[in-house]
Amino acid sequence: MKYKVILQESEEGFAVSCPALPGCWSQGQTEIEALDNIQDAITEYLMALEETLSNQIVREVEVAA
């Protein structure tokens, strides 16, 4: 699955967030490190979401881009 992320350069390096997943963000000293870190953050976010939804009735819908 692909997610769009937003990179913001700062004095410390790069901050990166995933607008599709509110609160999912990371950082790194380089752009490459920040992108690697957001991949881990997205994986952990989705695992936590899966646990949260484990007792809920969940359906999937398809939306054209």
PDB file of N, CA and C in Angstrom:
ATOM      1  N   MET A   1       0.837  -1.171   0.000  1.00  0.00           N
ATOM      2  CA  MET A   1       0.000   0.000   0.000  1.00  0.00           C
ATOM      3  C   MET A   1       0.888   1.243   0.000  1.00  0.00           C
ATOM      4  N   LYS A   2       0.485   2.261  -0.698  1.00  0.00           N
ATOM      5  CA  LYS A   2       1.249   3.500  -0.746  1.00  0.00           C
ATOM      6  C   LYS A   2       0.494   4.598  -0.006  1.00  0.00           C
ATOM      7  N   TYR A   3       1.238   5.409   0.736  1.00  0.00           N
ATOM      8  CA  TYR A   3       0.681   6.551   1.447  1.00  0.00           C
ATOM      9  C   TYR A   3       1.467   7.792   1.056  1.00  0.00           C
ATOM     10  N   LYS A   4       0.773   8.894   0.859  1.00  0.00           N
ATOM     11  CA  LYS A   4       1.442  10.165   0.618  1.00  0.00           C
ATOM     12  C   LYS A   4       1.910  10.707   1.959  1.00  0.00           C
ATOM     13  N   VAL A   5       3.130  11.244   1.970  1.00  0.00           N
ATOM     14  CA  VAL A   5       3.687  11.836   3.182  1.00  0.00           C
ATOM     15  C   VAL A   5       4.167  13.247   2.866  1.00  0.00           C
ATOM     16  N   ILE A   6       4.226  14.052   3.900  1.00  0.00           N
ATOM     17  CA  ILE A   6       4.680  15.437   3.774  1.00  0.00           C
ATOM     18  C   ILE A   6       5.994  15.583   4.524  1.00  0.00           C
ATOM     19  N   LEU A   7       7.005  16.075   3.839  1.00  0.00           N
ATOM     20  CA  LEU A   7       8.309  16.330   4.448  1.00  0.00           C
ATOM     21  C   LEU A   7       8.447  17.822   4.739  1.00  0.00           C
ATOM     22  N   GLN A   8       8.993  18.139   5.902  1.00  0.00           N
ATOM     23  CA  GLN A   8       9.270  19.526   6.258  1.00  0.00           C
ATOM     24  C   GLN A   8      10.696  19.593   6.785  1.00  0.00           C
ATOM     25  N   GLU A   9      11.521  20.361   6.103  1.00  0.00           N
ATOM     26  CA  GLU A   9      12.914  20.497   6.528  1.00  0.00           C
ATOM     27  C   GLU A   9      13.009  21.474   7.685  1.00  0.00           C
ATOM     28  N   SER A  10      13.875  21.150   8.647  1.00  0.00           N
ATOM     29  CA  SER A  10      14.088  22.019   9.802  1.00  0.00           C
ATOM     30  C   SER A  10      15.581  22.040  10.123  1.00  0.00           C
ATOM     31  N   GLU A  11      15.942  22.779  11.141  1.00  0.00           N
ATOM     32  CA  GLU A  11      17.348  22.836  11.561  1.00  0.00           C
ATOM     33  C   GLU A  11      17.852  21.479  12.043  1.00  0.00           C
ATOM     34  N   GLU A  12      16.958  20.652  12.566  1.00  0.00           N
ATOM     35  CA  GLU A  12      17.338  19.337  13.085  1.00  0.00           C
ATOM     36  C   GLU A  12      17.334  18.247  12.024  1.00  0.00           C
ATOM     37  N   GLY A  13      16.789  18.520  10.849  1.00  0.00           N
ATOM     38  CA  GLY A  13      16.690  17.497   9.809  1.00  0.00           C
ATOM     39  C   GLY A  13      15.367  17.605   9.087  1.00  0.00           C
ATOM     40  N   PHE A  14      14.610  16.507   9.105  1.00  0.00           N
ATOM     41  CA  PHE A  14      13.329  16.471   8.405  1.00  0.00           C
ATOM     42  C   PHE A  14      12.247  15.895   9.303  1.00  0.00           C
ATOM     43  N   ALA A  15      11.104  16.566   9.315  1.00  0.00           N
ATOM     44  CA  ALA A  15       9.908  16.026   9.951  1.00  0.00           C
ATOM     45  C   ALA A  15       9.050  15.477   8.820  1.00  0.00           C
ATOM     46  N   VAL A  16       8.346  14.393   9.078  1.00  0.00           N
ATOM     47  CA  VAL A  16       7.522  13.778   8.047  1.00  0.00           C
ATOM     48  C   VAL A  16       6.225  13.304   8.675  1.00  0.00           C
ATOM     49  N   SER A  17       5.108  13.541   7.974  1.00  0.00           N
ATOM     50  CA  SER A  17       3.803  13.119   8.479  1.00  0.00           C
ATOM     51  C   SER A  17       3.011  12.475   7.359  1.00  0.00           C
ATOM     52  N   CYS A  18       1.998  11.718   7.758  1.00  0.00           N
ATOM     53  CA  CYS A  18       1.130  11.037   6.803  1.00  0.00           C
ATOM     54  C   CYS A  18      -0.284  11.581   6.994  1.00  0.00           C
ATOM     55  N   PRO A  19      -0.728  12.486   6.119  1.00  0.00           N
ATOM     56  CA  PRO A  19      -2.041  13.114   6.294  1.00  0.00           C
ATOM     57  C   PRO A  19      -3.204  12.131   6.339  1.00  0.00           C
ATOM     58  N   ALA A  20      -3.090  10.984   5.695  1.00  0.00           N
ATOM     59  CA  ALA A  20      -4.170   9.994   5.688  1.00  0.00           C
ATOM     60  C   ALA A  20      -4.315   9.296   7.035  1.00  0.00           C
ATOM     61  N   LEU A  21      -3.287   9.394   7.878  1.00  0.00           N
ATOM     62  CA  LEU A  21      -3.298   8.745   9.188  1.00  0.00           C
ATOM     63  C   LEU A  21      -3.025   9.807  10.253  1.00  0.00           C
ATOM     64  N   PRO A  22      -4.068  10.469  10.747  1.00  0.00           N
ATOM     65  CA  PRO A  22      -3.896  11.569  11.703  1.00  0.00           C
ATOM     66  C   PRO A  22      -3.030  11.167  12.901  1.00  0.00           C
ATOM     67  N   GLY A  23      -2.047  12.003  13.191  1.00  0.00           N
ATOM     68  CA  GLY A  23      -1.161  11.745  14.320  1.00  0.00           C
ATOM     69  C   GLY A  23       0.018  10.862  13.980  1.00  0.00           C
ATOM     70  N   CYS A  24       0.110  10.394  12.749  1.00  0.00           N
ATOM     71  CA  CYS A  24       1.219   9.536  12.343  1.00  0.00           C
ATOM     72  C   CYS A  24       2.327  10.415  11.767  1.00  0.00           C
ATOM     73  N   TRP A  25       3.430  10.518  12.496  1.00  0.00           N
ATOM     74  CA  TRP A  25       4.538  11.347  12.068  1.00  0.00           C
ATOM     75  C   TRP A  25       5.845  10.752  12.571  1.00  0.00           C
ATOM     76  N   SER A  26       6.936  11.226  12.007  1.00  0.00           N
ATOM     77  CA  SER A  26       8.263  10.814  12.440  1.00  0.00           C
ATOM     78  C   SER A  26       9.251  11.892  12.023  1.00  0.00           C
ATOM     79  N   GLN A  27      10.518  11.582  12.151  1.00  0.00           N
ATOM     80  CA  GLN A  27      11.556  12.530  11.781  1.00  0.00           C
ATOM     81  C   GLN A  27      12.848  11.803  11.480  1.00  0.00           C
ATOM     82  N   GLY A  28      13.808  12.508  10.959  1.00  0.00           N
ATOM     83  CA  GLY A  28      15.128  11.950  10.694  1.00  0.00           C
ATOM     84  C   GLY A  28      16.100  13.064  10.383  1.00  0.00           C
ATOM     85  N   GLN A  29      17.379  12.776  10.519  1.00  0.00           N
ATOM     86  CA  GLN A  29      18.392  13.781  10.230  1.00  0.00           C
ATOM     87  C   GLN A  29      18.510  14.043   8.737  1.00  0.00           C
ATOM     88  N   THR A  30      18.208  13.030   7.916  1.00  0.00           N
ATOM     89  CA  THR A  30      18.228  13.175   6.471  1.00  0.00           C
ATOM     90  C   THR A  30      16.847  12.835   5.920  1.00  0.00           C
ATOM     91  N   GLU A  31      16.610  13.201   4.669  1.00  0.00           N
ATOM     92  CA  GLU A  31      15.334  12.867   4.042  1.00  0.00           C
ATOM     93  C   GLU A  31      15.147  11.351   3.973  1.00  0.00           C
ATOM     94  N   ILE A  32      16.193  10.637   3.628  1.00  0.00           N
ATOM     95  CA  ILE A  32      16.107   9.172   3.533  1.00  0.00           C
ATOM     96  C   ILE A  32      15.785   8.560   4.887  1.00  0.00           C
ATOM     97  N   GLU A  33      16.452   9.035   5.940  1.00  0.00           N
ATOM     98  CA  GLU A  33      16.187   8.522   7.285  1.00  0.00           C
ATOM     99  C   GLU A  33      14.747   8.824   7.705  1.00  0.00           C
ATOM    100  N   ALA A  34      14.273  10.020   7.399  1.00  0.00           N
ATOM    101  CA  ALA A  34      12.898  10.387   7.748  1.00  0.00           C
ATOM    102  C   ALA A  34      11.899   9.491   7.021  1.00  0.00           C
ATOM    103  N   LEU A  35      12.150   9.210   5.743  1.00  0.00           N
ATOM    104  CA  LEU A  35      11.239   8.345   4.979  1.00  0.00           C
ATOM    105  C   LEU A  35      11.274   6.909   5.499  1.00  0.00           C
ATOM    106  N   ASP A  36      12.448   6.423   5.877  1.00  0.00           N
ATOM    107  CA  ASP A  36      12.538   5.088   6.484  1.00  0.00           C
ATOM    108  C   ASP A  36      11.762   5.059   7.797  1.00  0.00           C
ATOM    109  N   ASN A  37      11.911   6.108   8.591  1.00  0.00           N
ATOM    110  CA  ASN A  37      11.249   6.163   9.900  1.00  0.00           C
ATOM    111  C   ASN A  37       9.727   6.250   9.765  1.00  0.00           C
ATOM    112  N   ILE A  38       9.237   6.976   8.754  1.00  0.00           N
ATOM    113  CA  ILE A  38       7.772   7.078   8.609  1.00  0.00           C
ATOM    114  C   ILE A  38       7.200   5.739   8.165  1.00  0.00           C
ATOM    115  N   GLN A  39       7.959   4.951   7.427  1.00  0.00           N
ATOM    116  CA  GLN A  39       7.486   3.612   7.063  1.00  0.00           C
ATOM    117  C   GLN A  39       7.237   2.788   8.324  1.00  0.00           C
ATOM    118  N   ASP A  40       8.171   2.849   9.265  1.00  0.00           N
ATOM    119  CA  ASP A  40       7.998   2.138  10.536  1.00  0.00           C
ATOM    120  C   ASP A  40       6.805   2.698  11.308  1.00  0.00           C
ATOM    121  N   ALA A  41       6.679   4.024  11.317  1.00  0.00           N
ATOM    122  CA  ALA A  41       5.575   4.655  12.049  1.00  0.00           C
ATOM    123  C   ALA A  41       4.228   4.261  11.453  1.00  0.00           C
ATOM    124  N   ILE A  42       4.140   4.198  10.128  1.00  0.00           N
ATOM    125  CA  ILE A  42       2.886   3.801   9.479  1.00  0.00           C
ATOM    126  C   ILE A  42       2.547   2.359   9.823  1.00  0.00           C
ATOM    127  N   THR A  43       3.533   1.487   9.792  1.00  0.00           N
ATOM    128  CA  THR A  43       3.312   0.075  10.144  1.00  0.00           C
ATOM    129  C   THR A  43       2.793  -0.045  11.570  1.00  0.00           C
ATOM    130  N   GLU A  44       3.435   0.641  12.503  1.00  0.00           N
ATOM    131  CA  GLU A  44       3.005   0.590  13.903  1.00  0.00           C
ATOM    132  C   GLU A  44       1.618   1.202  14.077  1.00  0.00           C
ATOM    133  N   TYR A  45       1.335   2.286  13.387  1.00  0.00           N
ATOM    134  CA  TYR A  45       0.021   2.937  13.440  1.00  0.00           C
ATOM    135  C   TYR A  45      -1.062   1.962  12.999  1.00  0.00           C
ATOM    136  N   LEU A  46      -0.819   1.292  11.867  1.00  0.00           N
ATOM    137  CA  LEU A  46      -1.818   0.358  11.333  1.00  0.00           C
ATOM    138  C   LEU A  46      -2.006  -0.856  12.246  1.00  0.00           C
ATOM    139  N   MET A  47      -0.932  -1.320  12.878  1.00  0.00           N
ATOM    140  CA  MET A  47      -1.055  -2.436  13.827  1.00  0.00           C
ATOM    141  C   MET A  47      -1.888  -2.013  15.033  1.00  0.00           C
ATOM    142  N   ALA A  48      -1.650  -0.806  15.536  1.00  0.00           N
ATOM    143  CA  ALA A  48      -2.426  -0.304  16.673  1.00  0.00           C
ATOM    144  C   ALA A  48      -3.889  -0.117  16.281  1.00  0.00           C
ATOM    145  N   LEU A  49      -4.128   0.362  15.068  1.00  0.00           N
ATOM    146  CA  LEU A  49      -5.498   0.531  14.585  1.00  0.00           C
ATOM    147  C   LEU A  49      -6.206  -0.813  14.484  1.00  0.00           C
ATOM    148  N   GLU A  50      -5.503  -1.811  13.985  1.00  0.00           N
ATOM    149  CA  GLU A  50      -6.067  -3.164  13.864  1.00  0.00           C
ATOM    150  C   GLU A  50      -6.482  -3.701  15.234  1.00  0.00           C
ATOM    151  N   GLU A  51      -5.631  -3.487  16.243  1.00  0.00           N
ATOM    152  CA  GLU A  51      -5.972  -3.921  17.606  1.00  0.00           C
ATOM    153  C   GLU A  51      -7.200  -3.189  18.126  1.00  0.00           C
ATOM    154  N   THR A  52      -7.277  -1.886  17.864  1.00  0.00           N
ATOM    155  CA  THR A  52      -8.407  -1.078  18.316  1.00  0.00           C
ATOM    156  C   THR A  52      -9.713  -1.550  17.689  1.00  0.00           C
ATOM    157  N   LEU A  53      -9.644  -1.986  16.434  1.00  0.00           N
ATOM    158  CA  LEU A  53     -10.848  -2.389  15.707  1.00  0.00           C
ATOM    159  C   LEU A  53     -11.183  -3.865  15.857  1.00  0.00           C
ATOM    160  N   SER A  54     -10.389  -4.604  16.602  1.00  0.00           N
ATOM    161  CA  SER A  54     -10.557  -6.059  16.660  1.00  0.00           C
ATOM    162  C   SER A  54     -11.930  -6.500  17.171  1.00  0.00           C
ATOM    163  N   ASN A  55     -12.589  -5.699  17.980  1.00  0.00           N
ATOM    164  CA  ASN A  55     -13.905  -6.069  18.506  1.00  0.00           C
ATOM    165  C   ASN A  55     -15.041  -5.313  17.825  1.00  0.00           C
ATOM    166  N   GLN A  56     -14.763  -4.692  16.694  1.00  0.00           N
ATOM    167  CA  GLN A  56     -15.749  -3.892  15.982  1.00  0.00           C
ATOM    168  C   GLN A  56     -16.194  -4.610  14.700  1.00  0.00           C
ATOM    169  N   ILE A  57     -17.359  -4.256  14.214  1.00  0.00           N
ATOM    170  CA  ILE A  57     -17.811  -4.745  12.911  1.00  0.00           C
ATOM    171  C   ILE A  57     -17.162  -3.839  11.867  1.00  0.00           C
ATOM    172  N   VAL A  58     -16.320  -4.411  11.030  1.00  0.00           N
ATOM    173  CA  VAL A  58     -15.547  -3.637  10.064  1.00  0.00           C
ATOM    174  C   VAL A  58     -15.828  -4.140   8.658  1.00  0.00           C
ATOM    175  N   ARG A  59     -15.996  -3.226   7.741  1.00  0.00           N
ATOM    176  CA  ARG A  59     -16.151  -3.557   6.315  1.00  0.00           C
ATOM    177  C   ARG A  59     -15.153  -2.698   5.534  1.00  0.00           C
ATOM    178  N   GLU A  60     -14.824  -3.143   4.346  1.00  0.00           N
ATOM    179  CA  GLU A  60     -13.946  -2.367   3.473  1.00  0.00           C
ATOM    180  C   GLU A  60     -14.758  -1.889   2.274  1.00  0.00           C
ATOM    181  N   VAL A  61     -14.480  -0.670   1.841  1.00  0.00           N
ATOM    182  CA  VAL A  61     -15.108  -0.128   0.640  1.00  0.00           C
ATOM    183  C   VAL A  61     -13.993   0.335  -0.296  1.00  0.00           C
ATOM    184  N   GLU A  62     -14.275   0.292  -1.574  1.00  0.00           N
ATOM    185  CA  GLU A  62     -13.304   0.735  -2.559  1.00  0.00           C
ATOM    186  C   GLU A  62     -13.716   2.102  -3.080  1.00  0.00           C
ATOM    187  N   VAL A  63     -12.750   2.991  -3.174  1.00  0.00           N
ATOM    188  CA  VAL A  63     -13.001   4.349  -3.634  1.00  0.00           C
ATOM    189  C   VAL A  63     -12.053   4.632  -4.791  1.00  0.00           C
ATOM    190  N   ALA A  64     -12.582   5.139  -5.888  1.00  0.00           N
ATOM    191  CA  ALA A  64     -11.747   5.498  -7.034  1.00  0.00           C
ATOM    192  C   ALA A  64     -10.918   6.724  -6.680  1.00  0.00           C
ATOM    193  N   ALA A  65      -9.667   6.722  -7.089  1.00  0.00           N
ATOM    194  CA  ALA A  65      -8.757   7.843  -6.768  1.00  0.00           C
ATOM    195  C   ALA A  65      -9.008   9.037  -7.627  1.00  0.00           C
TER     196      ALA A  65
END
